[in-house]
């Protein structure tokens, strides 16, 4: 490495006429210089240094999002904290946590709860493994608290909703263990153990795509509330119409002549003067039959009418309701009510829910992409700024060295040729290092 006070750089036009790299050395890409339009004399050399510095930063340098102090005493120079930062940002550690979550899900699936505190050999083994899972999750939370701080910094551990969920899971796990060990009377420990089923939600903290999906759902709550009001309005309107048209129409059915006995050999269905006719030996009358589906699906009152309309909007068995209504009042015009309800309520209104969720998901995915692009561009800008300051410092030092003694000017010009040669060698060496990195 040459000293900036011993060599001077050539003019700017000499930088533009540098020969190409040797054929065995691959030219570095100019992506960073192209994005930032770096006004330096040698864009190729600048790009090489930038890309090499980006790789070194990813491996060695702490990101600026880390607070300067954690837990009031651990600075960024603290060895313990730096070790924790490197460990929690180490990809194999993240994969280990994800693998532990999958194993915990498998253990929860294999567990067979039994009444009266009974157990099986499999359950006993799984209870022992549960302590291992709890220890790993506790270690993860402990390392992240040391690395990022607890709650007072903007990027602290508990400032993230997903980390807060992980912390609650760990605390609930410790409470269940403590209550089991001390055998606290009057408290059902099994009800607390039921909270272990939320542990699979820890996957959300380790999978960014799941975070995008859940954030989209949370952000869509307000638009979904507006759509829910629209759905409620449609249900109320059609419930009132159904109440006026079909109230008490589904209680007439066929009985044996002169009796109140329902026939056992056929399905009990509604009947009416303009609807289904009873077979020979039976008569259609209303003497207390509750109606089809045990009297739940009908239009006798406003509540049951809303329930019937809601079932039709979900398109779950709406054709069976239509057929039963045809049995009661005929086939002339009942279909108009149900078909219009399906078209308006299901095809249009309910599909608005999917539209809102799809739109919010697209917005959240675009925001995540923009955040990633901004972070990369910010790193490149920081490297470019450092490089420009370094070049300005070298030029300033050379100008000051040249003005000290006019007699040394000729020697400096002679040395500039050597500086250019060394610069070319340094550029080629940086290109080779970039390819290796």
Protein backbone atom coordinates (compact mmCIF):
# COMPACT_ATOMS: atom_id res chain seq x y z
CA UNK A 1 0.00 0.00 0.00
CA UNK A 2 1.56 3.31 -1.05
CA UNK A 3 1.52 6.49 1.01
CA UNK A 4 -0.62 9.36 -0.31
CA UNK A 5 2.20 11.83 0.45
CA UNK A 6 4.72 10.04 -1.75
CA UNK A 7 2.73 9.79 -4.95
CA UNK A 8 0.42 12.16 -6.74
CA UNK A 9 -2.48 11.27 -8.92
CA UNK A 10 -2.57 12.03 -12.59
CA UNK A 11 -5.06 14.33 -14.23
CA UNK A 12 -8.67 13.32 -14.59
CA UNK A 13 -8.29 12.61 -18.29
CA UNK A 14 -5.70 9.98 -17.47
CA UNK A 15 -8.22 8.12 -15.36
CA UNK A 16 -10.55 7.96 -18.32
CA UNK A 17 -7.92 6.40 -20.57
CA UNK A 18 -6.91 3.52 -18.31
CA UNK A 19 -6.33 0.28 -20.22
CA UNK A 20 -8.74 -2.62 -19.66
CA UNK A 21 -8.07 -5.32 -17.10
CA UNK A 22 -6.13 -8.41 -18.16
CA UNK A 23 -8.33 -11.08 -19.79
CA UNK A 24 -7.85 -13.53 -16.90
CA UNK A 25 -9.44 -11.04 -14.50
CA UNK A 26 -13.16 -10.56 -14.84
CA UNK A 27 -14.32 -6.95 -14.86
CA UNK A 28 -16.42 -6.06 -11.81
CA UNK A 29 -20.10 -5.20 -12.33
CA UNK A 30 -21.05 -1.53 -12.42
CA UNK A 31 -24.40 -1.85 -10.71
CA UNK A 32 -23.57 0.37 -7.73
CA UNK A 33 -21.94 3.08 -9.83
CA UNK A 34 -24.83 3.02 -12.27
CA UNK A 35 -27.44 3.36 -9.55
CA UNK A 36 -25.75 6.23 -7.76
CA UNK A 37 -24.11 7.92 -10.79
CA UNK A 38 -20.83 8.27 -8.93
CA UNK A 39 -18.93 11.31 -10.27
CA UNK A 40 -15.46 9.84 -9.80
CA UNK A 41 -12.72 9.48 -12.30
CA UNK A 42 -12.70 5.70 -12.24
CA UNK A 43 -16.15 4.12 -11.85
CA UNK A 44 -14.85 0.57 -12.14
CA UNK A 45 -12.46 0.97 -9.20
CA UNK A 46 -15.18 2.65 -7.13
CA UNK A 47 -17.59 -0.19 -7.86
CA UNK A 48 -15.02 -2.80 -6.86
CA UNK A 49 -14.34 -1.11 -3.54
CA UNK A 50 -18.04 -0.64 -2.86
CA UNK A 51 -18.96 -4.24 -3.45
CA UNK A 52 -16.05 -5.53 -1.40
CA UNK A 53 -16.99 -3.19 1.43
CA UNK A 54 -20.62 -4.33 1.31
CA UNK A 55 -19.52 -7.94 1.74
CA UNK A 56 -17.22 -7.04 4.60
CA UNK A 57 -19.97 -5.10 6.31
CA UNK A 58 -22.38 -7.98 6.11
CA UNK A 59 -19.85 -10.21 7.85
CA UNK A 60 -18.18 -7.89 10.32
CA UNK A 61 -19.92 -4.60 10.91
CA UNK A 62 -22.83 -4.08 13.28
CA UNK A 63 -25.89 -2.58 11.65
CA UNK A 64 -26.83 0.96 12.74
CA UNK A 65 -30.25 -0.22 13.97
CA UNK A 66 -28.64 -1.56 17.14
CA UNK A 67 -28.92 0.86 20.07
CA UNK A 68 -25.71 2.24 21.51
CA UNK A 69 -26.51 0.81 24.94
CA UNK A 70 -28.60 -2.16 26.07
CA UNK A 71 -29.85 -2.87 29.60
CA UNK A 72 -28.23 0.44 30.71
CA UNK A 73 -24.75 -1.10 30.81
CA UNK A 74 -23.90 -3.05 27.65
CA UNK A 75 -22.41 -0.88 24.90
CA UNK A 76 -21.66 -1.90 21.34
CA UNK A 77 -18.02 -2.46 22.34
CA UNK A 78 -18.97 -5.02 24.96
CA UNK A 79 -17.75 -8.47 23.93
CA UNK A 80 -20.78 -10.25 25.36
CA UNK A 81 -23.21 -8.04 23.47
CA UNK A 82 -21.28 -8.22 20.21
CA UNK A 83 -21.24 -12.00 20.53
CA UNK A 84 -25.01 -12.05 21.12
CA UNK A 85 -25.60 -9.79 18.12
CA UNK A 86 -23.55 -12.03 15.85
CA UNK A 87 -25.26 -15.13 17.21
CA UNK A 88 -28.88 -13.95 16.82
CA UNK A 89 -28.13 -12.68 13.30
CA UNK A 90 -26.35 -15.90 12.35
CA UNK A 91 -28.44 -17.82 9.83
CA UNK A 92 -27.78 -21.30 11.32
CA UNK A 93 -29.10 -20.03 14.67
CA UNK A 94 -32.33 -18.91 13.00
CA UNK A 95 -32.64 -22.29 11.31
CA UNK A 96 -32.09 -24.01 14.67
CA UNK A 97 -34.94 -22.03 16.23
CA UNK A 98 -37.24 -22.87 13.31
CA UNK A 99 -36.32 -26.55 13.58
CA UNK A 100 -37.07 -26.44 17.31
CA UNK A 101 -40.50 -24.94 16.60
CA UNK A 102 -41.28 -27.72 14.12
CA UNK A 103 -40.20 -30.34 16.64
CA UNK A 104 -42.36 -28.68 19.31
CA UNK A 105 -45.36 -28.81 16.95
CA UNK A 106 -44.73 -32.52 16.37
CA UNK A 107 -44.52 -33.11 20.14
CA UNK A 108 -47.81 -31.30 20.69
CA UNK A 109 -49.43 -33.44 17.99
CA UNK A 110 -48.17 -36.68 19.56
CA UNK A 111 -49.33 -35.78 23.06
CA UNK A 112 -52.53 -37.51 24.25
CA UNK A 113 -54.14 -35.74 27.23
CA UNK A 114 -55.89 -38.09 29.65
CA UNK A 115 -58.36 -37.32 32.46
CA UNK A 116 -57.63 -37.56 36.21
CA UNK A 117 -53.91 -36.79 35.69
CA UNK A 118 -53.37 -40.14 33.99
CA UNK A 119 -50.42 -40.43 31.65
CA UNK A 120 -48.70 -42.76 29.22
CA UNK A 121 -45.00 -43.51 28.60
CA UNK A 122 -45.14 -41.34 25.47
CA UNK A 123 -46.63 -38.42 27.38
CA UNK A 124 -43.96 -38.76 30.08
CA UNK A 125 -41.18 -38.57 27.48
CA UNK A 126 -42.82 -35.58 25.79
CA UNK A 127 -43.10 -33.78 29.13
CA UNK A 128 -39.34 -34.15 29.62
CA UNK A 129 -38.66 -32.92 26.08
CA UNK A 130 -40.87 -29.93 26.85
CA UNK A 131 -38.19 -28.62 29.21
CA UNK A 132 -35.64 -28.72 26.38
CA UNK A 133 -37.92 -26.69 24.11
CA UNK A 134 -38.54 -24.17 26.87
CA UNK A 135 -34.79 -23.84 27.51
CA UNK A 136 -34.07 -23.16 23.82
CA UNK A 137 -36.84 -20.55 23.56
CA UNK A 138 -35.64 -18.91 26.78
CA UNK A 139 -32.07 -18.78 25.48
CA UNK A 140 -33.28 -17.17 22.26
CA UNK A 141 -35.19 -14.48 24.17
CA UNK A 142 -32.24 -13.88 26.52
CA UNK A 143 -29.78 -13.43 23.64
CA UNK A 144 -32.08 -11.04 21.77
CA UNK A 145 -32.65 -8.94 24.89
CA UNK A 146 -28.89 -8.56 25.35
CA UNK A 147 -28.39 -7.79 21.65
CA UNK A 148 -31.25 -5.35 21.10
CA UNK A 149 -32.20 -4.14 24.57
CA UNK A 150 -35.43 -4.80 26.44
CA UNK A 151 -37.99 -2.07 25.72
CA UNK A 152 -36.64 1.50 25.95
CA UNK A 153 -35.02 1.74 22.50
CA UNK A 154 -36.94 2.10 19.22
CA UNK A 155 -35.62 -1.26 17.99
CA UNK A 156 -35.68 -3.01 21.36
CA UNK A 157 -36.84 -6.59 21.81
CA UNK A 158 -40.29 -5.89 23.22
CA UNK A 159 -40.98 -3.08 20.72
CA UNK A 160 -41.69 -5.74 18.09
CA UNK A 161 -45.10 -7.36 18.28
CA UNK A 162 -43.74 -10.74 17.15
CA UNK A 163 -41.00 -10.66 19.79
CA UNK A 164 -43.63 -9.73 22.37
CA UNK A 165 -45.58 -12.84 21.36
CA UNK A 166 -42.43 -14.97 21.79
CA UNK A 167 -41.84 -13.43 25.22
CA UNK A 168 -45.41 -14.18 26.34
CA UNK A 169 -45.02 -17.79 25.19
CA UNK A 170 -41.83 -18.16 27.25
CA UNK A 171 -43.42 -16.57 30.34
CA UNK A 172 -46.50 -18.82 30.11
CA UNK A 173 -44.21 -21.84 29.76
CA UNK A 174 -42.34 -20.91 32.93
CA UNK A 175 -45.58 -20.31 34.82
CA UNK A 176 -46.88 -23.76 33.91
CA UNK A 177 -43.62 -25.38 35.00
CA UNK A 178 -43.57 -23.49 38.32
CA UNK A 179 -47.20 -24.30 39.09
CA UNK A 180 -46.61 -27.98 38.35
CA UNK A 181 -43.50 -28.13 40.54
CA UNK A 182 -45.11 -26.39 43.52
CA UNK A 183 -48.53 -28.07 43.00
CA UNK A 184 -50.56 -24.92 43.53
CA UNK A 185 -54.00 -25.78 44.87
CA UNK A 186 -57.15 -24.33 43.33
CA UNK A 187 -55.61 -23.72 39.93
CA UNK A 188 -56.07 -25.86 36.85
CA UNK A 189 -52.58 -26.22 35.38
CA UNK A 190 -53.94 -28.03 32.34
CA UNK A 191 -55.79 -24.90 31.29
CA UNK A 192 -52.49 -23.01 31.39
CA UNK A 193 -50.75 -25.73 29.41
CA UNK A 194 -53.35 -25.24 26.71
CA UNK A 195 -51.53 -22.01 25.84
CA UNK A 196 -48.72 -24.16 24.43
CA UNK A 197 -50.75 -24.46 21.25
CA UNK A 198 -49.78 -20.87 20.38
CA UNK A 199 -46.11 -21.84 20.13
CA UNK A 200 -46.40 -22.59 16.40
CA UNK A 201 -47.03 -18.85 16.02
CA UNK A 202 -43.31 -18.39 16.68
CA UNK A 203 -42.88 -19.41 13.05
CA UNK A 204 -44.23 -16.00 12.09
CA UNK A 205 -41.23 -14.30 13.68
CA UNK A 206 -38.83 -16.42 11.62
CA UNK A 207 -40.62 -16.41 8.27
CA UNK A 208 -40.98 -12.91 6.73
CA UNK A 209 -43.58 -14.07 4.21
CA UNK A 210 -45.90 -15.09 7.06
CA UNK A 211 -45.41 -11.68 8.62
CA UNK A 212 -46.51 -10.06 5.36
CA UNK A 213 -49.68 -12.17 5.29
CA UNK A 214 -50.62 -11.48 8.92
CA UNK A 215 -49.80 -7.78 8.62
CA UNK A 216 -52.04 -7.64 5.56
CA UNK A 217 -54.90 -9.17 7.53
CA UNK A 218 -54.40 -6.78 10.44
CA UNK A 219 -54.24 -3.73 8.19
CA UNK A 220 -57.37 -4.90 6.36
CA UNK A 221 -59.45 -4.92 9.55
CA UNK A 222 -60.83 -1.40 9.08
CA UNK A 223 -61.86 -1.90 5.41
CA UNK A 224 -63.28 -5.30 6.37
CA UNK A 225 -65.36 -3.60 9.06
CA UNK A 226 -66.94 -1.40 6.39
CA UNK A 227 -67.66 -4.45 4.24
CA UNK A 228 -69.10 -6.24 7.28
CA UNK A 229 -71.54 -3.35 7.73
CA UNK A 230 -72.53 -3.69 4.08
CA UNK A 231 -73.05 -7.45 4.51
CA UNK A 232 -75.13 -6.83 7.63
CA UNK A 233 -77.24 -4.31 5.73
CA UNK A 234 -77.91 -6.84 2.94
CA UNK A 235 -78.77 -9.56 5.49
CA UNK A 236 -81.21 -7.28 7.33
CA UNK A 237 -82.97 -6.23 4.12
CA UNK A 238 -83.40 -9.78 2.86
CA UNK A 239 -84.35 -11.05 6.34
CA UNK A 240 -87.19 -8.52 6.48
CA UNK A 241 -88.33 -9.46 2.96
CA UNK A 242 -88.23 -13.17 3.83
CA UNK A 243 -90.10 -12.51 7.07
CA UNK A 244 -92.90 -10.83 5.13
CA UNK A 245 -93.08 -13.47 2.39
CA UNK A 246 -92.35 -16.81 4.07
CA UNK A 247 -93.38 -16.45 7.73
CA UNK A 248 -95.08 -19.67 8.92
CA UNK A 249 -94.96 -21.31 5.48
CA UNK A 250 -92.73 -24.26 6.43
CA UNK A 251 -94.79 -25.91 9.18
CA UNK A 252 -97.40 -27.73 7.10
CA UNK A 253 -96.59 -31.36 6.31
CA UNK A 254 -98.34 -34.62 5.48
CA UNK A 255 -100.03 -36.67 8.23
CA UNK A 256 -101.94 -39.91 8.03
CA UNK A 257 -105.62 -39.33 7.42
CA UNK A 258 -107.51 -38.48 10.60
CA UNK A 259 -104.42 -38.71 12.84
CA UNK A 260 -101.47 -36.62 13.97
CA UNK A 261 -98.96 -39.32 13.10
CA UNK A 262 -96.14 -38.53 10.72
CA UNK A 263 -95.29 -41.23 8.18
CA UNK A 264 -92.06 -43.03 9.03
CA UNK A 265 -91.19 -44.48 5.65
CA UNK A 266 -90.56 -41.16 3.84
CA UNK A 267 -88.71 -37.94 4.60
CA UNK A 268 -90.78 -35.30 6.33
CA UNK A 269 -91.08 -32.31 4.00
CA UNK A 270 -93.30 -29.23 3.82
CA UNK A 271 -96.45 -29.24 1.73
CA UNK A 272 -99.04 -26.69 0.61
CA UNK A 273 -101.95 -25.92 -1.65
CA UNK A 274 -99.67 -24.61 -4.43
CA UNK A 275 -96.67 -26.67 -3.41
CA UNK A 276 -96.06 -30.36 -2.86
CA UNK A 277 -99.13 -32.59 -2.72
CA UNK A 278 -99.48 -35.35 -0.16
CA UNK A 279 -99.71 -38.95 -1.41
CA UNK A 280 -102.87 -41.00 -1.13
CA UNK A 281 -103.88 -41.78 2.45
CA UNK A 282 -102.26 -38.61 3.84
CA UNK A 283 -103.43 -35.03 4.29
CA UNK A 284 -101.54 -31.71 4.52
CA UNK A 285 -102.11 -29.79 7.73
CA UNK A 286 -100.33 -27.72 10.37
CA UNK A 287 -100.65 -29.26 13.83
CA UNK A 288 -97.32 -28.46 15.44
CA UNK A 289 -94.53 -29.71 13.17
CA UNK A 290 -91.39 -27.65 13.93
CA UNK A 291 -90.30 -27.58 10.30
CA UNK A 292 -87.26 -28.91 8.43
CA UNK A 293 -83.85 -28.98 10.12
CA UNK A 294 -85.50 -29.10 13.56
CA UNK A 295 -87.07 -25.69 13.03
CA UNK A 296 -83.80 -23.78 12.89
CA UNK A 297 -83.91 -22.74 9.23
CA UNK A 298 -87.11 -20.78 8.58
CA UNK A 299 -88.49 -17.24 8.40
CA UNK A 300 -90.77 -17.29 11.45
CA UNK A 301 -89.00 -14.48 13.31
CA UNK A 302 -86.36 -11.87 12.57
CA UNK A 303 -83.48 -13.76 14.22
CA UNK A 304 -84.08 -17.06 12.44
CA UNK A 305 -84.68 -15.16 9.22
CA UNK A 306 -81.25 -13.50 9.50
CA UNK A 307 -79.67 -16.89 10.22
CA UNK A 308 -81.32 -18.40 7.14
CA UNK A 309 -80.21 -15.50 4.93
CA UNK A 310 -76.65 -15.76 6.26
CA UNK A 311 -76.52 -19.47 5.43
CA UNK A 312 -77.71 -18.71 1.91
CA UNK A 313 -75.03 -16.02 1.47
CA UNK A 314 -72.35 -18.53 2.40
CA UNK A 315 -73.78 -20.80 -0.35
CA UNK A 316 -73.87 -23.71 2.11
CA UNK A 317 -77.02 -25.72 1.38
CA UNK A 318 -78.98 -22.81 -0.07
CA UNK A 319 -80.46 -25.02 -2.79
CA UNK A 320 -81.98 -27.32 -0.14
CA UNK A 321 -83.67 -24.31 1.47
CA UNK A 322 -85.00 -23.28 -1.96
CA UNK A 323 -86.39 -26.76 -2.60
CA UNK A 324 -88.12 -26.85 0.79
CA UNK A 325 -89.66 -23.47 0.10
CA UNK A 326 -90.84 -24.69 -3.30
CA UNK A 327 -92.52 -27.62 -1.50
CA UNK A 328 -94.35 -25.15 0.75
CA UNK A 329 -95.47 -22.37 -1.65
CA UNK A 330 -94.77 -23.62 -5.17
CA UNK A 331 -92.13 -22.98 -7.80
CA UNK A 332 -93.48 -19.84 -9.44
CA UNK A 333 -91.60 -17.01 -7.73
CA UNK A 334 -89.64 -18.26 -4.67
CA UNK A 335 -86.53 -18.72 -6.81
CA UNK A 336 -86.40 -14.97 -7.53
CA UNK A 337 -85.77 -14.25 -3.85
CA UNK A 338 -83.01 -16.84 -3.41
CA UNK A 339 -81.24 -16.32 -6.74
CA UNK A 340 -81.11 -12.54 -6.26
CA UNK A 341 -79.80 -13.10 -2.72
CA UNK A 342 -76.98 -15.30 -4.02
CA UNK A 343 -76.05 -12.86 -6.80
CA UNK A 344 -76.01 -9.76 -4.60
CA UNK A 345 -74.93 -11.22 -1.29
CA UNK A 346 -72.47 -13.90 -2.35
CA UNK A 347 -71.11 -13.03 -5.77
CA UNK A 348 -70.70 -9.30 -5.13
CA UNK A 349 -70.63 -8.43 -1.44
CA UNK A 350 -68.77 -11.45 -0.06
CA UNK A 351 -66.17 -11.30 -2.82
CA UNK A 352 -65.35 -7.77 -1.68
CA UNK A 353 -63.68 -9.40 1.33
CA UNK A 354 -61.28 -11.26 -0.96
CA UNK A 355 -60.66 -8.07 -2.91
CA UNK A 356 -59.74 -6.10 0.21
CA UNK A 357 -57.44 -8.85 1.49
CA UNK A 358 -55.76 -9.15 -1.90
CA UNK A 359 -55.23 -5.39 -2.12
CA UNK A 360 -53.76 -5.12 1.37
CA UNK A 361 -51.50 -8.09 0.72
CA UNK A 362 -50.16 -6.44 -2.45
CA UNK A 363 -49.53 -3.18 -0.56
CA UNK A 364 -47.73 -4.95 2.29
CA UNK A 365 -45.58 -6.97 -0.10
CA UNK A 366 -44.63 -3.80 -2.00
CA UNK A 367 -43.73 -2.05 1.27
CA UNK A 368 -41.50 -4.97 2.28
CA UNK A 369 -39.78 -4.86 -1.12
CA UNK A 370 -39.24 -1.10 -0.86
CA UNK A 371 -37.78 -1.44 2.63
CA UNK A 372 -35.29 -4.01 1.38
CA UNK A 373 -34.31 -1.87 -1.62
CA UNK A 374 -33.92 1.20 0.57
CA UNK A 375 -31.66 -0.65 3.00
CA UNK A 376 -29.41 -1.85 0.17
CA UNK A 377 -29.27 1.62 -1.39
CA UNK A 378 -28.48 3.17 1.98
CA UNK A 379 -25.52 0.83 2.46
CA UNK A 380 -24.20 1.71 -1.00
CA UNK A 381 -24.59 5.44 -0.31
CA UNK A 382 -22.69 5.16 2.97
CA UNK A 383 -19.85 3.34 1.25
CA UNK A 384 -19.79 5.88 -1.58
CA UNK A 385 -19.68 8.77 0.89
CA UNK A 386 -16.75 7.20 2.72
CA UNK A 387 -14.96 6.62 -0.57
CA UNK A 388 -15.44 10.24 -1.68
CA UNK A 389 -14.13 11.56 1.65
CA UNK A 390 -11.11 9.30 1.30
CA UNK A 391 -10.39 10.55 -2.23
CA UNK A 392 -10.82 14.18 -1.13
CA UNK A 393 -8.38 13.64 1.73
CA UNK A 394 -5.77 12.17 -0.63
CA UNK A 395 -6.10 15.01 -3.16
CA UNK A 396 -5.91 17.62 -0.41
CA UNK A 397 -2.78 16.03 1.02
CA UNK A 398 -1.12 15.89 -2.42
CA UNK A 399 -1.99 19.50 -3.22
CA UNK A 400 -0.53 20.61 0.10
CA UNK A 401 2.59 18.56 -0.54
CA UNK A 402 3.01 20.06 -4.03
CA UNK A 403 2.75 23.67 -2.82
CA UNK A 404 5.36 23.26 -0.09
CA UNK A 405 8.31 23.38 -2.43
CA UNK A 406 8.18 24.30 -6.11
CA UNK A 407 11.43 22.46 -6.71
CA UNK A 408 9.78 19.21 -5.81
CA UNK A 409 7.02 19.74 -8.41
CA UNK A 410 8.93 18.01 -11.19
CA UNK A 411 9.72 15.08 -8.95
CA UNK A 412 6.04 14.83 -8.03
CA UNK A 413 5.10 14.76 -11.71
CA UNK A 414 7.60 11.98 -12.28
CA UNK A 415 6.18 10.10 -9.34
CA UNK A 416 2.63 10.49 -10.71
CA UNK A 417 3.39 7.94 -13.38
CA UNK A 418 4.39 5.47 -10.73
CA UNK A 419 1.23 6.34 -8.79
CA UNK A 420 -0.91 5.63 -11.83
CA UNK A 421 0.79 2.28 -12.30
CA UNK A 422 0.25 1.40 -8.66
CA UNK A 423 -3.34 2.56 -8.95
CA UNK A 424 -3.90 0.26 -11.91
CA UNK A 425 -2.35 -2.64 -10.03
CA UNK A 426 -4.52 -1.84 -7.02
CA UNK A 427 -7.61 -1.71 -9.25
CA UNK A 428 -6.81 -5.10 -10.77
CA UNK A 429 -6.08 -6.53 -7.34
CA UNK A 430 -9.39 -5.19 -6.01
CA UNK A 431 -11.19 -6.74 -8.95
CA UNK A 432 -9.56 -10.07 -8.20
CA UNK A 433 -10.48 -9.76 -4.51
CA UNK A 434 -14.06 -8.86 -5.40
CA UNK A 435 -14.34 -11.96 -7.55
CA UNK A 436 -12.98 -14.10 -4.72
CA UNK A 437 -15.30 -12.52 -2.17
